[in-house]
Amino acid sequence: MALHESGEMYLETIYVLSKERPAVRAIDVGEHMGFSKPSVSRALSLLKESGHVTVDANGHLSLTKTGTAVAEKIFERHTILTRIIMALGVDEETASNDACKMEHVISDRTFEAFKKHLAEKGTE
């Protein structure tokens, strides 16, 4: 099942939060993303059904192997694109916001070219 942009955003958020704290709950995801409880509940239900997320008895969210792979890909795209945009002279907040939009639609081929360019310039 192909994920929509919103699903990728949820996975990336769970990934980022899991690096910052020992356990991630739905409420943490909602607060971080600024979404309502019902919206988060629906999205997480879909991500559980698709095999990207699991929830334990304590309500702690975990990414499955598939979920982790998607989250890491999106997070890497966000990080690299933010750095490229900032290198053009754009402030960090704007660069991050723009990267967030771009990370879901950029082709693998173009993204790999960006990574190669950064590596060649010695800024990676």
C-alpha atoms as a PDB file:
ATOM      1  CA  MET A   1       0.000   0.000   0.000  1.00  0.00           C
ATOM      2  CA  ALA A   2       1.414   3.349  -1.026  1.00  0.00           C
ATOM      3  CA  LEU A   3       1.482   5.987   1.673  1.00  0.00           C
ATOM      4  CA  HIS A   4       0.127   9.455   1.214  1.00  0.00           C
ATOM      5  CA  GLU A   5       2.144  12.491   2.246  1.00  0.00           C
ATOM      6  CA  SER A   6       0.308  12.656   5.580  1.00  0.00           C
ATOM      7  CA  GLY A   7       1.224   9.057   6.385  1.00  0.00           C
ATOM      8  CA  GLU A   8       4.856   9.805   5.651  1.00  0.00           C
ATOM      9  CA  MET A   9       4.666  12.849   7.921  1.00  0.00           C
ATOM     10  CA  TYR A  10       3.280  10.771  10.789  1.00  0.00           C
ATOM     11  CA  LEU A  11       6.033   8.179  10.373  1.00  0.00           C
ATOM     12  CA  GLU A  12       8.701  10.880  10.268  1.00  0.00           C
ATOM     13  CA  THR A  13       7.249  12.486  13.401  1.00  0.00           C
ATOM     14  CA  ILE A  14       7.239   9.180  15.309  1.00  0.00           C
ATOM     15  CA  TYR A  15      10.821   8.600  14.147  1.00  0.00           C
ATOM     16  CA  VAL A  16      12.009  12.044  15.277  1.00  0.00           C
ATOM     17  CA  LEU A  17      10.189  11.840  18.627  1.00  0.00           C
ATOM     18  CA  SER A  18      11.570   8.348  19.284  1.00  0.00           C
ATOM     19  CA  LYS A  19      15.081   9.812  19.038  1.00  0.00           C
ATOM     20  CA  GLU A  20      14.214  12.426  21.673  1.00  0.00           C
ATOM     21  CA  ARG A  21      12.344  10.358  24.272  1.00  0.00           C
ATOM     22  CA  PRO A  22      12.092   6.793  25.554  1.00  0.00           C
ATOM     23  CA  ALA A  23       8.448   6.296  24.531  1.00  0.00           C
ATOM     24  CA  VAL A  24       6.186   7.969  21.983  1.00  0.00           C
ATOM     25  CA  ARG A  25       2.421   8.142  22.443  1.00  0.00           C
ATOM     26  CA  ALA A  26      -0.343   9.333  20.153  1.00  0.00           C
ATOM     27  CA  ILE A  27      -0.736  12.496  22.236  1.00  0.00           C
ATOM     28  CA  ASP A  28       2.946  13.321  21.664  1.00  0.00           C
ATOM     29  CA  VAL A  29       2.483  12.964  17.914  1.00  0.00           C
ATOM     30  CA  GLY A  30      -0.612  15.174  17.969  1.00  0.00           C
ATOM     31  CA  GLU A  31       1.091  17.889  19.992  1.00  0.00           C
ATOM     32  CA  HIS A  32       4.180  17.845  17.769  1.00  0.00           C
ATOM     33  CA  MET A  33       2.176  18.030  14.543  1.00  0.00           C
ATOM     34  CA  GLY A  34      -0.582  20.299  15.862  1.00  0.00           C
ATOM     35  CA  PHE A  35      -3.341  17.824  14.985  1.00  0.00           C
ATOM     36  CA  SER A  36      -6.464  16.859  16.924  1.00  0.00           C
ATOM     37  CA  LYS A  37      -6.831  13.576  18.787  1.00  0.00           C
ATOM     38  CA  PRO A  38      -9.384  12.190  16.301  1.00  0.00           C
ATOM     39  CA  SER A  39      -7.130  13.003  13.343  1.00  0.00           C
ATOM     40  CA  VAL A  40      -4.132  11.349  14.968  1.00  0.00           C
ATOM     41  CA  SER A  41      -6.206   8.336  16.014  1.00  0.00           C
ATOM     42  CA  ARG A  42      -7.473   7.824  12.462  1.00  0.00           C
ATOM     43  CA  ALA A  43      -4.026   8.201  10.915  1.00  0.00           C
ATOM     44  CA  LEU A  44      -2.410   5.817  13.393  1.00  0.00           C
ATOM     45  CA  SER A  45      -5.179   3.292  12.796  1.00  0.00           C
ATOM     46  CA  LEU A  46      -4.398   3.356   9.071  1.00  0.00           C
ATOM     47  CA  LEU A  47      -0.667   3.072   9.742  1.00  0.00           C
ATOM     48  CA  LYS A  48      -1.276   0.074  12.015  1.00  0.00           C
ATOM     49  CA  GLU A  49      -3.453  -1.582   9.359  1.00  0.00           C
ATOM     50  CA  SER A  50      -0.787  -1.018   6.710  1.00  0.00           C
ATOM     51  CA  GLY A  51       1.909  -2.555   8.927  1.00  0.00           C
ATOM     52  CA  HIS A  52       3.965   0.610   9.483  1.00  0.00           C
ATOM     53  CA  VAL A  53       3.270   1.133  13.204  1.00  0.00           C
ATOM     54  CA  THR A  54       2.583  -1.005  16.257  1.00  0.00           C
ATOM     55  CA  VAL A  55       1.094   0.066  19.581  1.00  0.00           C
ATOM     56  CA  ASP A  56       1.840  -1.781  22.813  1.00  0.00           C
ATOM     57  CA  ALA A  57      -0.436  -2.264  25.834  1.00  0.00           C
ATOM     58  CA  ASN A  58       0.790   1.040  27.304  1.00  0.00           C
ATOM     59  CA  GLY A  59      -0.081   2.992  24.165  1.00  0.00           C
ATOM     60  CA  HIS A  60       3.537   3.389  23.116  1.00  0.00           C
ATOM     61  CA  LEU A  61       4.064   3.663  19.379  1.00  0.00           C
ATOM     62  CA  SER A  62       6.808   1.827  17.527  1.00  0.00           C
ATOM     63  CA  LEU A  63       7.720   1.818  13.883  1.00  0.00           C
ATOM     64  CA  THR A  64       7.890  -1.546  12.177  1.00  0.00           C
ATOM     65  CA  LYS A  65      10.801  -2.368   9.885  1.00  0.00           C
ATOM     66  CA  THR A  66       8.767  -1.036   6.962  1.00  0.00           C
ATOM     67  CA  GLY A  67       7.722   2.064   8.909  1.00  0.00           C
ATOM     68  CA  THR A  68      11.305   2.753   9.943  1.00  0.00           C
ATOM     69  CA  ALA A  69      12.524   2.481   6.346  1.00  0.00           C
ATOM     70  CA  VAL A  70       9.955   5.039   5.165  1.00  0.00           C
ATOM     71  CA  ALA A  71      10.609   7.366   8.119  1.00  0.00           C
ATOM     72  CA  GLU A  72      14.382   7.271   7.645  1.00  0.00           C
ATOM     73  CA  LYS A  73      14.020   8.011   3.930  1.00  0.00           C
ATOM     74  CA  ILE A  74      11.750  11.006   4.570  1.00  0.00           C
ATOM     75  CA  PHE A  75      13.917  12.272   7.434  1.00  0.00           C
ATOM     76  CA  GLU A  76      17.062  12.070   5.289  1.00  0.00           C
ATOM     77  CA  ARG A  77      15.315  13.954   2.488  1.00  0.00           C
ATOM     78  CA  HIS A  78      14.159  16.628   4.926  1.00  0.00           C
ATOM     79  CA  THR A  79      17.640  17.043   6.385  1.00  0.00           C
ATOM     80  CA  ILE A  80      19.479  17.188   3.055  1.00  0.00           C
ATOM     81  CA  LEU A  81      16.939  19.472   1.381  1.00  0.00           C
ATOM     82  CA  THR A  82      16.989  21.841   4.365  1.00  0.00           C
ATOM     83  CA  ARG A  83      20.781  22.058   4.159  1.00  0.00           C
ATOM     84  CA  ILE A  84      20.722  22.714   0.412  1.00  0.00           C
ATOM     85  CA  ILE A  85      18.114  25.451   0.750  1.00  0.00           C
ATOM     86  CA  MET A  86      19.987  27.058   3.644  1.00  0.00           C
ATOM     87  CA  ALA A  87      23.190  26.992   1.547  1.00  0.00           C
ATOM     88  CA  LEU A  88      21.323  29.192  -0.917  1.00  0.00           C
ATOM     89  CA  GLY A  89      20.931  31.811   1.810  1.00  0.00           C
ATOM     90  CA  VAL A  90      17.449  30.982   3.098  1.00  0.00           C
ATOM     91  CA  ASP A  91      16.846  31.087   6.862  1.00  0.00           C
ATOM     92  CA  GLU A  92      16.541  27.758   8.672  1.00  0.00           C
ATOM     93  CA  GLU A  93      12.823  27.961   9.473  1.00  0.00           C
ATOM     94  CA  THR A  94      11.839  28.746   5.883  1.00  0.00           C
ATOM     95  CA  ALA A  95      14.275  26.158   4.532  1.00  0.00           C
ATOM     96  CA  SER A  96      12.849  23.487   6.843  1.00  0.00           C
ATOM     97  CA  ASN A  97       9.265  24.348   5.939  1.00  0.00           C
ATOM     98  CA  ASP A  98      10.034  24.235   2.212  1.00  0.00           C
ATOM     99  CA  ALA A  99      11.997  20.999   2.572  1.00  0.00           C
ATOM    100  CA  CYS A 100       8.988  19.487   4.337  1.00  0.00           C
ATOM    101  CA  LYS A 101       6.883  20.107   1.241  1.00  0.00           C
ATOM    102  CA  MET A 102       9.542  18.976  -1.221  1.00  0.00           C
ATOM    103  CA  GLU A 103      10.573  15.764   0.559  1.00  0.00           C
ATOM    104  CA  HIS A 104       7.372  13.980  -0.446  1.00  0.00           C
ATOM    105  CA  VAL A 105       7.409  14.769  -4.154  1.00  0.00           C
ATOM    106  CA  ILE A 106      11.055  14.870  -5.224  1.00  0.00           C
ATOM    107  CA  SER A 107      12.119  11.892  -7.330  1.00  0.00           C
ATOM    108  CA  ASP A 108      14.737   9.461  -6.047  1.00  0.00           C
ATOM    109  CA  ARG A 109      16.915  10.368  -9.027  1.00  0.00           C
ATOM    110  CA  THR A 110      16.881  14.096  -8.294  1.00  0.00           C
ATOM    111  CA  PHE A 111      17.391  13.546  -4.582  1.00  0.00           C
ATOM    112  CA  GLU A 112      20.422  11.329  -5.240  1.00  0.00           C
ATOM    113  CA  ALA A 113      21.838  14.092  -7.464  1.00  0.00           C
ATOM    114  CA  PHE A 114      21.424  16.559  -4.587  1.00  0.00           C
ATOM    115  CA  LYS A 115      23.221  14.183  -2.213  1.00  0.00           C
ATOM    116  CA  LYS A 116      26.033  13.676  -4.717  1.00  0.00           C
ATOM    117  CA  HIS A 117      26.377  17.436  -5.156  1.00  0.00           C
ATOM    118  CA  LEU A 118      26.628  17.963  -1.392  1.00  0.00           C
ATOM    119  CA  ALA A 119      29.225  15.200  -1.081  1.00  0.00           C
ATOM    120  CA  GLU A 120      31.320  16.659  -3.907  1.00  0.00           C
ATOM    121  CA  LYS A 121      31.201  20.125  -2.347  1.00  0.00           C
ATOM    122  CA  GLY A 122      32.418  18.695   0.940  1.00  0.00           C
ATOM    123  CA  THR A 123      29.407  19.964   2.888  1.00  0.00           C
ATOM    124  CA  GLU A 124      28.012  16.558   3.818  1.00  0.00           C
END
